[in-house]
Protein backbone atom coordinates (compact mmCIF):
# COMPACT_ATOMS: atom_id res chain seq x y z
CA MET A 1 72.86 85.13 12.99
CA ARG A 2 76.56 85.01 12.16
CA SER A 3 76.18 87.34 9.14
CA ILE A 4 74.24 89.81 11.27
CA GLU A 5 76.96 89.81 13.92
CA VAL A 6 79.63 90.47 11.29
CA PHE A 7 77.56 93.33 9.88
CA ARG A 8 77.34 94.88 13.34
CA PHE A 9 81.09 94.63 13.82
CA ILE A 10 81.82 96.29 10.48
CA LEU A 11 79.40 99.09 11.22
CA PHE A 12 81.07 99.73 14.58
CA ALA A 13 84.49 99.84 12.92
CA LEU A 14 83.32 102.33 10.34
CA CYS A 15 81.83 104.55 13.03
CA CYS A 16 85.13 104.69 14.84
CA GLN A 17 86.86 106.13 11.77
CA GLY A 18 85.25 109.53 12.39
CA ALA A 19 83.05 111.92 10.50
CA GLN A 20 83.52 112.69 6.83
CA ALA A 21 81.83 115.22 4.58
CA ALA A 22 79.65 114.21 1.68
CA TRP A 23 78.38 116.17 -1.31
CA LEU A 24 75.05 114.68 -2.31
CA PRO A 25 72.98 115.48 -5.43
CA GLN A 26 69.59 117.04 -4.75
CA ALA A 27 66.53 116.45 -6.91
CA SER A 28 66.37 119.31 -9.40
CA PRO A 29 63.16 120.27 -11.21
CA THR A 30 65.06 121.76 -14.16
CA SER A 31 67.87 121.09 -16.61
CA ARG A 32 68.56 124.81 -17.08
CA PHE A 33 71.93 126.19 -16.09
CA LEU A 34 71.79 127.35 -12.47
CA ASN A 35 73.90 130.41 -11.79
CA SER A 36 73.37 131.50 -8.19
CA VAL A 37 72.26 130.10 -4.83
CA TYR A 38 71.47 131.97 -1.61
CA PHE A 39 70.14 130.98 1.84
CA PRO A 40 68.92 133.79 4.12
CA VAL A 41 68.31 131.18 6.87
CA PRO A 42 69.51 127.56 7.13
CA ASN A 43 66.39 125.84 5.78
CA THR A 44 65.13 128.41 3.26
CA GLY A 45 67.05 129.05 0.06
CA PHE A 46 66.73 130.30 -3.49
CA ILE A 47 68.36 129.53 -6.84
CA ALA A 48 68.45 131.67 -10.00
CA GLY A 49 69.21 130.33 -13.46
CA ASP A 50 68.84 130.61 -17.20
CA SER A 51 65.56 131.32 -18.97
CA GLY A 52 64.04 133.02 -15.95
CA THR A 53 64.51 130.05 -13.63
CA LEU A 54 63.82 130.69 -9.95
CA LEU A 55 63.67 127.86 -7.40
CA LYS A 56 62.88 127.84 -3.68
CA THR A 57 63.38 125.34 -0.87
CA ALA A 58 61.85 125.51 2.59
CA ASP A 59 63.25 122.21 3.86
CA GLY A 60 67.00 122.57 3.62
CA GLY A 61 67.27 121.58 -0.02
CA ASN A 62 65.38 118.30 0.19
CA SER A 63 62.90 119.66 -2.36
CA TRP A 64 63.05 122.61 -4.76
CA VAL A 65 59.92 124.31 -6.10
CA PRO A 66 59.93 126.44 -9.28
CA LYS A 67 58.59 129.97 -8.91
CA ASN A 68 57.21 132.19 -11.66
CA SER A 69 59.76 134.90 -12.39
CA GLY A 70 57.71 136.54 -15.12
CA THR A 71 60.71 136.63 -17.47
CA ALA A 72 62.45 134.34 -19.94
CA ARG A 73 65.76 136.17 -19.61
CA ASN A 74 68.73 134.52 -17.98
CA LEU A 75 69.01 135.30 -14.27
CA SER A 76 72.60 135.37 -13.05
CA SER A 77 72.35 136.25 -9.36
CA VAL A 78 69.96 136.14 -6.41
CA TYR A 79 70.35 137.73 -2.97
CA PHE A 80 68.11 138.00 0.10
CA VAL A 81 68.44 140.38 3.02
CA SER A 82 65.76 138.47 4.96
CA VAL A 83 63.52 135.45 4.44
CA ALA A 84 60.95 137.74 2.82
CA GLU A 85 62.91 140.34 0.87
CA GLY A 86 65.21 139.62 -2.03
CA TYR A 87 66.38 140.49 -5.54
CA ALA A 88 67.35 138.62 -8.69
CA VAL A 89 69.18 140.19 -11.64
CA GLY A 90 70.01 139.11 -15.17
CA ASP A 91 70.31 139.90 -18.84
CA ASN A 92 69.44 143.25 -20.40
CA GLY A 93 69.23 145.08 -17.08
CA THR A 94 66.68 142.70 -15.57
CA VAL A 95 65.95 143.37 -11.89
CA LEU A 96 63.26 141.43 -10.01
CA TYR A 97 62.06 142.06 -6.46
CA THR A 98 60.16 139.89 -4.00
CA GLY A 99 58.77 140.93 -0.64
CA ASP A 100 56.97 137.70 0.18
CA GLY A 101 59.73 135.10 0.25
CA GLY A 102 59.94 134.47 -3.46
CA GLU A 103 56.29 133.64 -4.04
CA ASN A 104 55.83 136.65 -6.33
CA TRP A 105 58.45 138.59 -8.27
CA ILE A 106 58.00 142.18 -9.43
CA PRO A 107 60.16 143.76 -12.20
CA ARG A 108 61.99 146.95 -11.30
CA ALA A 109 63.41 149.50 -13.76
CA SER A 110 67.21 149.32 -13.51
CA ASN A 111 67.78 152.18 -16.00
CA THR A 112 70.42 150.14 -17.81
CA THR A 113 70.48 147.59 -20.62
CA ALA A 114 73.71 146.03 -19.34
CA ASP A 115 73.65 142.34 -18.54
CA LEU A 116 73.74 142.16 -14.75
CA TYR A 117 75.77 139.27 -13.33
CA SER A 118 75.78 139.93 -9.60
CA VAL A 119 73.57 141.53 -6.96
CA CYS A 120 74.32 142.32 -3.33
CA MET A 121 72.10 143.87 -0.66
CA PRO A 122 74.29 144.54 2.40
CA THR A 123 71.39 146.11 4.28
CA ALA A 124 67.69 146.62 3.74
CA GLY A 125 67.04 149.39 1.24
CA ILE A 126 70.53 149.55 -0.30
CA ILE A 127 71.27 147.30 -3.27
CA TYR A 128 74.12 147.02 -5.78
CA ALA A 129 74.29 145.13 -9.07
CA ALA A 130 77.26 144.81 -11.43
CA GLY A 131 77.51 143.74 -15.05
CA SER A 132 78.69 144.20 -18.60
CA GLY A 133 80.38 147.38 -19.78
CA GLY A 134 81.75 148.06 -16.31
CA VAL A 135 78.32 149.09 -15.06
CA ILE A 136 77.34 149.17 -11.40
CA VAL A 137 73.76 150.16 -10.59
CA LYS A 138 72.77 151.20 -7.08
CA ALA A 139 69.45 151.74 -5.33
CA THR A 140 69.13 153.45 -1.97
CA ASN A 141 65.36 153.55 -1.64
CA GLY A 142 64.45 149.90 -1.45
CA GLY A 143 65.04 149.31 -5.16
CA LEU A 144 62.41 151.71 -6.46
CA LEU A 145 64.96 153.89 -8.23
CA TRP A 146 68.23 152.59 -9.65
CA THR A 147 71.17 154.78 -10.69
CA PRO A 148 73.69 153.32 -13.15
CA ASP A 149 77.36 154.25 -13.13
CA THR A 150 80.03 153.07 -15.57
CA VAL A 151 82.95 152.53 -13.23
CA SER A 152 85.20 150.42 -15.47
CA PRO A 153 84.41 151.01 -19.18
CA GLY A 154 84.77 148.01 -21.46
CA ILE A 155 85.19 145.52 -18.61
CA THR A 156 82.54 142.98 -17.63
CA LEU A 157 82.11 142.99 -13.87
CA ARG A 158 81.23 139.47 -12.78
CA SER A 159 80.75 139.93 -9.06
CA VAL A 160 80.05 142.60 -6.47
CA SER A 161 80.27 141.96 -2.73
CA PHE A 162 79.71 143.92 0.46
CA PRO A 163 79.95 142.48 3.98
CA PRO A 164 76.67 142.25 5.89
CA ALA A 165 75.38 145.51 7.36
CA ASN A 166 78.18 147.50 5.69
CA PRO A 167 76.74 149.29 2.62
CA ASN A 168 79.78 151.52 1.98
CA PHE A 169 82.70 149.08 1.86
CA GLY A 170 82.76 146.67 -1.07
CA TYR A 171 84.57 145.08 -4.00
CA ALA A 172 83.67 144.43 -7.62
CA VAL A 173 85.73 142.15 -9.87
CA GLY A 174 86.08 141.07 -13.47
CA PRO A 175 88.76 139.89 -15.92
CA GLY A 176 91.95 141.67 -14.91
CA VAL A 177 90.24 144.17 -12.63
CA VAL A 178 89.54 144.54 -8.91
CA LEU A 179 87.63 147.63 -7.76
CA LYS A 180 87.13 148.87 -4.21
CA THR A 181 84.74 151.39 -2.69
CA ILE A 182 84.79 152.86 0.80
CA ASP A 183 81.79 155.15 0.35
CA GLY A 184 79.47 153.12 -1.89
CA ALA A 185 79.85 155.66 -4.70
CA ASN A 186 83.44 155.90 -5.88
CA TRP A 187 85.27 152.82 -7.14
CA THR A 188 89.07 152.64 -7.23
CA PRO A 189 91.17 150.03 -9.10
CA GLN A 190 93.29 147.81 -6.85
CA ALA A 191 96.68 146.34 -7.77
CA VAL A 192 96.00 142.66 -7.04
CA ASP A 193 96.92 140.64 -10.15
CA SER A 194 96.73 141.99 -13.70
CA ASN A 195 96.63 138.39 -14.95
CA GLY A 196 93.81 137.44 -12.63
CA PHE A 197 90.54 136.71 -14.41
CA PHE A 198 88.20 137.03 -11.45
CA PHE A 199 84.61 135.81 -11.53
CA SER A 200 83.73 135.91 -7.86
CA ALA A 201 84.25 138.04 -4.76
CA HIS A 202 82.98 137.25 -1.28
CA LEU A 203 83.49 139.50 1.73
CA LEU A 204 82.75 137.84 5.04
CA SER A 205 83.53 141.06 6.93
CA ALA A 206 85.28 144.38 6.44
CA SER A 207 88.57 142.54 6.98
CA THR A 208 88.13 139.02 5.54
CA GLY A 209 87.43 138.26 1.89
CA TYR A 210 88.22 136.03 -1.10
CA LEU A 211 88.51 136.51 -4.85
CA GLY A 212 88.06 133.58 -7.22
CA GLY A 213 88.73 132.91 -10.89
CA ASN A 214 91.77 131.49 -12.65
CA LYS A 215 93.47 132.29 -9.33
CA VAL A 216 92.27 132.55 -5.73
CA TYR A 217 93.29 135.39 -3.43
CA ASN A 218 92.34 136.29 0.11
CA THR A 219 92.78 139.19 2.50
CA ASP A 220 92.57 139.51 6.26
CA ASN A 221 93.08 143.28 6.37
CA GLY A 222 90.27 144.65 4.25
CA GLY A 223 92.25 144.50 1.02
CA ALA A 224 95.29 146.48 2.15
CA SER A 225 97.09 143.39 0.85
CA TRP A 226 95.97 140.28 -1.03
CA THR A 227 97.64 136.87 -0.86
CA ASN A 228 97.67 134.34 -3.68
CA VAL A 229 96.19 131.17 -2.14
CA THR A 230 95.32 129.36 -5.37
CA PRO A 231 94.67 125.63 -4.78
CA ASN A 232 97.10 123.12 -6.28
CA PRO A 233 96.44 121.81 -8.86
CA ILE A 234 95.11 125.04 -10.31
CA PHE A 235 91.51 124.98 -11.44
CA LEU A 236 89.03 127.61 -12.63
CA ALA A 237 87.06 128.73 -9.58
CA TRP A 238 83.74 130.13 -10.73
CA ALA A 239 82.80 130.97 -7.14
CA VAL A 240 84.40 131.39 -3.72
CA PHE A 241 82.65 131.49 -0.36
CA ALA A 242 84.08 132.32 3.07
CA ALA A 243 82.08 130.34 5.63
CA ASP A 244 83.95 131.79 8.61
CA GLY A 245 87.31 133.36 9.41
CA ILE A 246 89.30 130.24 8.56
CA THR A 247 86.97 128.08 6.45
CA ALA A 248 86.34 128.80 2.79
CA TYR A 249 85.33 126.94 -0.36
CA ALA A 250 86.06 127.29 -4.06
CA VAL A 251 83.87 125.60 -6.68
CA GLY A 252 84.25 125.59 -10.42
CA GLU A 253 85.03 123.79 -13.62
CA LEU A 254 84.25 120.10 -14.08
CA GLY A 255 82.68 119.81 -10.65
CA GLY A 256 85.82 120.86 -8.83
CA ILE A 257 85.44 121.70 -5.14
CA TYR A 258 88.21 122.73 -2.73
CA ARG A 259 88.01 123.49 0.99
CA THR A 260 90.42 125.31 3.26
CA GLY A 261 90.29 125.15 7.04
CA ASP A 262 93.30 127.39 7.64
CA ALA A 263 92.40 130.61 5.78
CA GLY A 264 93.82 129.47 2.46
CA LEU A 265 97.21 128.17 3.62
CA SER A 266 96.21 124.75 2.32
CA TRP A 267 93.31 123.37 0.30
CA ALA A 268 91.82 119.89 0.19
CA PRO A 269 89.81 118.65 -2.80
CA GLU A 270 86.35 117.26 -2.11
CA SER A 271 84.51 114.86 -4.39
CA SER A 272 81.41 116.48 -5.87
CA GLY A 273 80.28 113.38 -7.74
CA THR A 274 79.74 115.42 -10.91
CA ALA A 275 81.72 116.67 -13.89
CA GLU A 276 79.36 119.59 -14.45
CA ASP A 277 80.73 123.10 -13.94
CA LEU A 278 79.61 124.63 -10.65
CA TYR A 279 78.84 128.34 -10.81
CA SER A 280 77.81 129.29 -7.28
CA ALA A 281 78.11 128.13 -3.68
CA PHE A 282 76.55 129.15 -0.39
CA PHE A 283 77.18 127.86 3.13
CA THR A 284 74.88 128.17 6.12
CA ASP A 285 77.74 127.14 8.43
CA ALA A 286 81.28 125.86 8.07
CA ASN A 287 80.15 122.34 7.12
CA THR A 288 76.75 122.68 5.47
CA GLY A 289 76.45 124.21 2.05
CA TYR A 290 75.14 124.10 -1.49
CA ALA A 291 76.60 124.34 -4.99
CA VAL A 292 74.74 124.76 -8.29
CA GLY A 293 75.71 124.73 -11.95
CA TRP A 294 75.28 123.24 -15.39
CA ASN A 295 72.24 121.25 -16.44
CA GLY A 296 70.24 121.89 -13.28
CA THR A 297 72.92 120.52 -10.95
CA ILE A 298 72.19 121.05 -7.24
CA LEU A 299 74.53 119.61 -4.60
CA LYS A 300 74.40 119.71 -0.81
CA ARG A 301 77.29 119.21 1.59
CA THR A 302 76.78 117.77 5.05
CA GLN A 303 78.81 115.99 7.69
CA ALA A 304 78.06 112.29 7.30
CA VAL A 305 78.38 111.47 10.98
CA ALA A 306 76.97 113.48 13.87
CA ILE A 307 76.49 111.09 16.82
CA ARG A 308 77.75 107.59 17.57
CA ILE A 309 75.50 105.14 19.37
CA GLU A 310 76.78 101.94 20.98
CA SER A 311 74.61 98.97 21.86
CA LYS A 312 74.96 95.24 22.43
CA ASP A 313 73.81 92.23 20.51
CA VAL A 314 72.24 89.18 22.16
CA ARG A 315 75.66 87.84 23.14
CA GLY A 316 76.61 91.05 24.92
CA ARG A 317 79.01 92.31 22.26
CA LEU A 318 79.11 95.99 21.36
CA TYR A 319 78.08 97.29 17.98
CA GLY A 320 77.75 100.83 16.73
CA GLY A 321 75.44 102.95 14.69
CA ILE A 322 75.39 106.59 13.69
CA ILE A 323 72.71 109.18 13.33
CA PRO A 324 73.29 111.63 10.48
CA PRO A 325 72.38 115.31 10.59
CA ALA A 326 68.65 116.05 10.80
CA SER A 327 68.62 116.99 7.12
CA ILE A 328 69.39 113.37 6.13
CA SER A 329 66.88 110.65 6.99
CA GLY A 330 68.93 107.52 7.38
CA TRP A 331 71.73 105.53 9.02
CA TYR A 332 75.13 106.18 7.39
CA ASP A 333 78.58 104.72 7.64
CA ALA A 334 81.65 106.94 8.02
CA ARG A 335 81.91 107.27 4.25
CA GLY A 336 78.47 108.79 4.02
CA ARG A 337 76.79 105.70 2.54
CA LEU A 338 73.18 105.00 3.46
CA ILE A 339 72.89 101.78 5.42
CA ARG A 340 69.29 101.79 6.61
CA GLN A 341 66.48 104.28 6.77
CA VAL A 342 65.61 105.99 10.04
CA GLY A 343 62.68 104.33 11.72
CA ARG A 344 63.70 100.78 10.83
CA ILE A 345 65.17 98.63 13.60
CA LEU A 346 68.77 97.52 13.22
CA ARG A 347 68.53 93.81 14.03
């Protein structure tokens, strides 16, 4: 009885320390490199990777199911405008379309042989993809006809981003180049950082956005000015994601993850539990997100503590327990460690 009472006291003390975030590995059905992750709604998400890899979850990342892409080419980016409709792009001008939530994928003629590294669909029917040779291809008729345009010859464009429901205002980035469009057709170089090797751009809105690479920049005025907000120590950020107006994440080399809660003024490192490079991140809210990368790595971030419960033991003394978010089935301490499975009585 004494050991049980001590256990209850320790659990209560841990609960009182407050909530902490935890990045937890998710079971991956592949060891292929995973290059892109996207969630059109909180529980349904998709991952694209090498050798034609496409994965889908319908339960918030608890399980991932491989889908037949119909190609063995590397897929670098995936994007959905709704739960049903999405695109994946990859090597040698590969463009794949699904209209049934990723169950079936149909190849579309992109009219380019450029390797495509990024796809963005700001609104239904209008899609952009960017890739090698400074190519950006655009479709305005639901992806049936794609028109290529070499907007930055000799430069590999690694990322293209438009804010939701704004198909005319966007950015494309690559090593030493940042391009902006205000009409969806003409792309103009921006003087951000000639030494910036950018691999990722994410526009939350027409005013707020981030660029990531060997440096991290952000803007709160639509790119009229960009501020260097690179985390310290500097690391290679393969991807940046703005979760809201003040919260953003950068993920990258050797499993590095940084979070800002003040629009880039300061960054805090978060333990990913892996040394694998992380190539892509997506957040369904400011605290819940996913990161993917080398060797089939899939990680999920959640808040470890959601609700504190107090009760009494047989001698009338208080003890505490916590219920984690619904996506985690268990009792956790404030460090995110599983104590006991949900459904078992804490005695």
